[in-house]
Amino acid sequence: MAGHSKFKNIMHRKGRQDAARSKMFSKLSKEITVAAKMGDPDPDSNPRLRLAVQNAKPQSMPKDNIQRAINKSQTGDGDNYEEIRYEGYGPAGVAVVVEALTDNRNRSASNVRSYFTKCGGSLGETGSVSFMFDRVGEVIYKPDAGEADAVLEAAIEAGAEDVQSDEGGHTIYTAFEDLNDVAKALEDALGEADSTKIIWKPQNLTPVDVDKAQTLMKLIDMLEDDDDVQNVYSNFDVDEETMAALAT
């Protein structure tokens, strides 16, 4: 996943961060509405809603927007979103998992399939690539959360399974079922996380050269720009030379 994070940093440096803010708010709102509709509208008694709200705060999403999304789940006349997972192969045979929330299954499937096709990939059946990933919890902190040793110690105390620290920050992995407890313990020790979510973590990585990486970036870009797509995961591996070429 470190490669994916670096990919996103490249896209952000290209000016996508500001342009994508309203789209990001829309996706965060959708997740909050769905989480509240599936459970209790009180984040304290709804783990999924609590995570959705926690992820909205570091993105500077206004409290009014968060509450409006929760209220929408209780009106009875809001959109009925369906959770769908798409799986396929992108350039260089990398595996791609796409999570969507949609009110139109046919539209979403058609769009996602077209993105894969345009980038030389292919959309497969559900389960065709997800077996190459583990479903785990991920908590991300910015570099200023602390030194690597301090974050590692806090993660061990919290019951996390793995920690990866570099110049971009700290990524802490937990068992799927332990995410809420670990995230709470980490918040007590390190403060509010930059991101807390359930992810698809690749078991092994597929090397990608610069030409294929550029096409892969285009595919991820197209997928993440789609209003129905919430998350995109892949198992690519890009070396430092290729990363430098992409960043220019």
Protein backbone atom coordinates (compact mmCIF):
# COMPACT_ATOMS: atom_id res chain seq x y z
CA MET A 1 0.00 0.00 0.00
CA ALA A 2 2.98 2.32 0.40
CA GLY A 3 3.18 2.57 -3.37
CA HIS A 4 -0.45 3.58 -3.59
CA SER A 5 0.06 6.30 -0.99
CA LYS A 6 3.01 7.68 -2.95
CA PHE A 7 0.96 7.57 -6.14
CA LYS A 8 -1.72 9.67 -4.46
CA ASN A 9 0.94 12.15 -3.32
CA ILE A 10 2.10 12.54 -6.92
CA MET A 11 -1.44 13.22 -8.11
CA HIS A 12 -1.90 15.73 -5.31
CA ARG A 13 1.27 17.57 -6.30
CA LYS A 14 -0.16 17.85 -9.80
CA GLY A 15 -2.92 20.05 -8.35
CA ARG A 16 -5.62 17.43 -7.88
CA GLN A 17 -6.01 17.98 -4.14
CA ASP A 18 -7.83 21.31 -4.32
CA ALA A 19 -9.85 20.35 -7.39
CA ALA A 20 -11.05 17.16 -5.71
CA ARG A 21 -12.16 18.69 -2.39
CA SER A 22 -15.87 19.02 -3.23
CA LYS A 23 -15.89 15.50 -4.70
CA MET A 24 -14.20 14.20 -1.55
CA PHE A 25 -16.84 15.86 0.63
CA SER A 26 -19.54 14.23 -1.49
CA LYS A 27 -18.00 10.78 -1.02
CA LEU A 28 -17.54 11.31 2.71
CA SER A 29 -21.15 12.44 3.01
CA LYS A 30 -22.36 9.37 1.14
CA GLU A 31 -20.45 7.03 3.47
CA ILE A 32 -21.80 8.86 6.54
CA THR A 33 -25.38 8.62 5.24
CA VAL A 34 -25.07 4.92 4.44
CA ALA A 35 -23.41 4.14 7.78
CA ALA A 36 -26.11 6.01 9.70
CA LYS A 37 -28.89 4.38 7.66
CA MET A 38 -27.53 0.88 8.28
CA GLY A 39 -27.23 1.38 12.04
CA ASP A 40 -27.81 3.93 14.78
CA PRO A 41 -27.52 7.64 13.85
CA ASP A 42 -25.44 8.14 17.01
CA PRO A 43 -21.72 7.68 16.21
CA ASP A 44 -21.02 6.54 19.77
CA SER A 45 -23.14 3.42 19.26
CA ASN A 46 -22.44 2.85 15.54
CA PRO A 47 -18.80 1.83 14.83
CA ARG A 48 -19.04 2.31 11.06
CA LEU A 49 -20.58 5.77 11.45
CA ARG A 50 -17.96 6.69 14.03
CA LEU A 51 -15.19 5.80 11.59
CA ALA A 52 -16.90 7.75 8.80
CA VAL A 53 -17.16 10.86 10.98
CA GLN A 54 -13.56 10.45 12.19
CA ASN A 55 -12.35 10.37 8.59
CA ALA A 56 -14.35 13.46 7.68
CA LYS A 57 -12.84 15.64 10.41
CA PRO A 58 -9.17 15.59 9.26
CA GLN A 59 -10.38 16.61 5.79
CA SER A 60 -11.87 19.78 7.33
CA MET A 61 -15.41 18.74 6.46
CA PRO A 62 -17.74 21.21 8.24
CA LYS A 63 -19.76 19.89 11.18
CA ASP A 64 -22.95 21.08 9.47
CA ASN A 65 -22.17 18.89 6.45
CA ILE A 66 -21.57 15.89 8.69
CA GLN A 67 -24.83 16.40 10.58
CA ARG A 68 -26.73 16.99 7.34
CA ALA A 69 -25.46 13.64 6.01
CA ILE A 70 -26.57 11.89 9.20
CA ASN A 71 -29.98 13.59 9.09
CA LYS A 72 -30.45 12.52 5.47
CA SER A 73 -30.29 8.89 6.57
CA GLN A 74 -33.30 9.37 8.82
CA THR A 75 -35.66 11.22 6.46
CA GLY A 76 -36.75 8.13 4.57
CA ASP A 77 -36.61 9.91 1.22
CA GLY A 78 -32.85 9.85 0.65
CA ASP A 79 -31.09 7.87 -2.04
CA ASN A 80 -30.85 4.13 -1.50
CA TYR A 81 -27.19 3.36 -2.03
CA GLU A 82 -25.95 -0.16 -2.71
CA GLU A 83 -22.47 -1.35 -1.79
CA ILE A 84 -20.71 -3.03 -4.71
CA ARG A 85 -17.17 -4.33 -5.13
CA TYR A 86 -15.57 -4.55 -8.57
CA GLU A 87 -12.39 -6.50 -9.25
CA GLY A 88 -10.12 -6.68 -12.24
CA TYR A 89 -6.65 -6.44 -13.73
CA GLY A 90 -5.01 -3.20 -14.80
CA PRO A 91 -1.83 -2.46 -16.80
CA ALA A 92 1.06 -4.91 -16.21
CA GLY A 93 -1.43 -7.37 -14.75
CA VAL A 94 -1.77 -5.54 -11.43
CA ALA A 95 -4.83 -6.49 -9.38
CA VAL A 96 -7.35 -3.74 -8.67
CA VAL A 97 -10.21 -3.73 -6.15
CA VAL A 98 -12.83 -0.99 -6.44
CA GLU A 99 -15.42 -0.23 -3.75
CA ALA A 100 -18.52 1.71 -4.80
CA LEU A 101 -21.70 3.11 -3.26
CA THR A 102 -24.29 3.58 -5.98
CA ASP A 103 -27.98 4.15 -6.57
CA ASN A 104 -27.66 2.74 -10.10
CA ARG A 105 -25.84 -0.59 -10.42
CA ASN A 106 -25.94 -0.61 -14.24
CA ARG A 107 -24.39 2.86 -14.51
CA SER A 108 -21.59 2.02 -12.10
CA ALA A 109 -20.73 -1.30 -13.75
CA SER A 110 -20.70 0.28 -17.21
CA ASN A 111 -18.46 3.15 -16.09
CA VAL A 112 -15.98 0.99 -14.18
CA ARG A 113 -15.73 -1.50 -17.05
CA SER A 114 -15.05 1.32 -19.52
CA TYR A 115 -12.21 2.70 -17.38
CA PHE A 116 -10.49 -0.69 -17.26
CA THR A 117 -10.95 -1.17 -21.01
CA LYS A 118 -9.58 2.28 -21.90
CA CYS A 119 -6.45 1.59 -19.88
CA GLY A 120 -5.78 -1.86 -21.32
CA GLY A 121 -7.17 -3.73 -18.33
CA SER A 122 -10.10 -6.04 -17.83
CA LEU A 123 -12.92 -6.24 -15.30
CA GLY A 124 -13.40 -9.67 -13.72
CA GLU A 125 -15.91 -11.41 -11.50
CA THR A 126 -16.23 -10.65 -7.79
CA GLY A 127 -13.52 -12.67 -6.07
CA SER A 128 -11.24 -12.79 -9.11
CA VAL A 129 -8.47 -10.76 -7.43
CA SER A 130 -9.58 -10.07 -3.83
CA PHE A 131 -8.07 -13.40 -2.73
CA MET A 132 -4.69 -11.69 -3.24
CA PHE A 133 -5.55 -9.11 -0.58
CA ASP A 134 -6.20 -9.21 3.17
CA ARG A 135 -9.11 -7.31 4.73
CA VAL A 136 -7.50 -5.32 7.54
CA GLY A 137 -7.82 -2.11 9.51
CA GLU A 138 -5.56 0.82 8.62
CA VAL A 139 -4.81 3.88 10.74
CA ILE A 140 -2.68 6.64 9.21
CA TYR A 141 -0.88 9.40 11.10
CA LYS A 142 1.08 12.33 9.71
CA PRO A 143 4.84 12.52 10.44
CA ASP A 144 4.35 15.00 13.29
CA ALA A 145 2.43 12.41 15.33
CA GLY A 146 5.79 11.33 16.74
CA GLU A 147 9.07 9.59 16.10
CA ALA A 148 8.89 6.11 14.55
CA ASP A 149 9.89 4.38 17.81
CA ALA A 150 7.23 6.25 19.80
CA VAL A 151 4.52 5.43 17.26
CA LEU A 152 5.62 1.79 17.19
CA GLU A 153 5.43 1.60 20.99
CA ALA A 154 1.96 3.18 20.99
CA ALA A 155 0.81 0.78 18.28
CA ILE A 156 2.06 -2.25 20.20
CA GLU A 157 0.32 -1.04 23.35
CA ALA A 158 -2.88 -0.50 21.35
CA GLY A 159 -2.83 -4.05 20.00
CA ALA A 160 -1.91 -3.28 16.38
CA GLU A 161 -0.35 -5.94 14.13
CA ASP A 162 2.14 -3.93 12.03
CA VAL A 163 3.56 -0.42 11.61
CA GLN A 164 5.24 1.19 8.61
CA SER A 165 6.89 4.59 9.10
CA ASP A 166 8.64 6.75 6.49
CA GLU A 167 8.99 10.42 5.57
CA GLY A 168 5.32 10.47 4.54
CA GLY A 169 3.98 9.43 7.94
CA HIS A 170 2.98 6.35 9.90
CA THR A 171 0.67 3.57 8.70
CA ILE A 172 -0.61 1.19 11.36
CA TYR A 173 -2.35 -2.08 10.50
CA THR A 174 -4.79 -3.98 12.70
CA ALA A 175 -6.95 -7.07 12.49
CA PHE A 176 -10.27 -6.32 10.80
CA GLU A 177 -12.29 -6.87 13.96
CA ASP A 178 -9.91 -4.88 16.19
CA LEU A 179 -9.88 -1.60 14.27
CA ASN A 180 -12.23 0.38 16.52
CA ASP A 181 -10.49 -0.63 19.76
CA VAL A 182 -7.01 -0.05 18.34
CA ALA A 183 -7.99 3.29 16.80
CA LYS A 184 -9.41 4.50 20.14
CA ALA A 185 -6.26 3.49 22.02
CA LEU A 186 -4.08 5.19 19.39
CA GLU A 187 -6.15 8.37 19.60
CA ASP A 188 -5.60 8.45 23.37
CA ALA A 189 -1.85 8.04 22.86
CA LEU A 190 -1.14 9.99 19.67
CA GLY A 191 -4.15 12.23 19.06
CA GLU A 192 -6.58 12.23 16.15
CA ALA A 193 -5.56 10.09 13.16
CA ASP A 194 -5.42 11.40 9.62
CA SER A 195 -7.38 8.37 8.38
CA THR A 196 -9.00 5.28 9.94
CA LYS A 197 -10.58 2.67 7.70
CA ILE A 198 -10.99 -0.93 6.63
CA ILE A 199 -8.86 -1.59 3.54
CA TRP A 200 -7.79 -4.30 1.09
CA LYS A 201 -4.06 -4.81 1.77
CA PRO A 202 -2.15 -6.69 -0.96
CA GLN A 203 -0.33 -9.85 0.11
CA ASN A 204 2.31 -9.44 -2.60
CA LEU A 205 3.26 -6.59 -4.95
CA THR A 206 3.57 -6.56 -8.75
CA PRO A 207 6.47 -4.51 -10.22
CA VAL A 208 5.40 -1.84 -12.74
CA ASP A 209 7.70 0.07 -15.15
CA VAL A 210 7.28 3.75 -15.96
CA ASP A 211 5.13 3.29 -19.09
CA LYS A 212 2.71 0.93 -17.37
CA ALA A 213 2.78 3.09 -14.24
CA GLN A 214 1.60 6.11 -16.22
CA THR A 215 -1.32 4.12 -17.62
CA LEU A 216 -2.06 2.72 -14.16
CA MET A 217 -2.10 6.24 -12.73
CA LYS A 218 -4.63 7.17 -15.43
CA LEU A 219 -6.84 4.20 -14.48
CA ILE A 220 -6.73 5.02 -10.76
CA ASP A 221 -7.37 8.67 -11.59
CA MET A 222 -10.46 7.81 -13.66
CA LEU A 223 -11.81 5.44 -11.04
CA GLU A 224 -11.35 7.84 -8.15
CA ASP A 225 -12.96 10.66 -10.14
CA ASP A 226 -16.15 8.61 -10.56
CA ASP A 227 -18.90 9.78 -8.19
CA ASP A 228 -19.93 6.21 -7.36
CA VAL A 229 -16.43 4.99 -6.46
CA GLN A 230 -15.44 5.28 -2.81
CA ASN A 231 -12.08 3.48 -2.66
CA VAL A 232 -9.51 1.96 -5.03
CA TYR A 233 -6.85 -0.57 -4.00
CA SER A 234 -4.07 -2.16 -6.05
CA ASN A 235 -1.03 -4.39 -5.58
CA PHE A 236 1.48 -2.51 -7.75
CA ASP A 237 5.09 -1.82 -6.79
CA VAL A 238 6.94 1.17 -8.24
CA ASP A 239 10.69 1.67 -7.66
CA GLU A 240 12.23 5.02 -6.76
CA GLU A 241 13.49 5.70 -10.31
CA THR A 242 10.02 5.19 -11.78
CA MET A 243 8.48 7.27 -9.01
CA ALA A 244 10.88 10.12 -9.79
CA ALA A 245 9.99 9.95 -13.49
CA LEU A 246 6.27 10.11 -12.67
CA ALA A 247 6.74 13.08 -10.39
CA THR A 248 8.36 15.25 -13.09
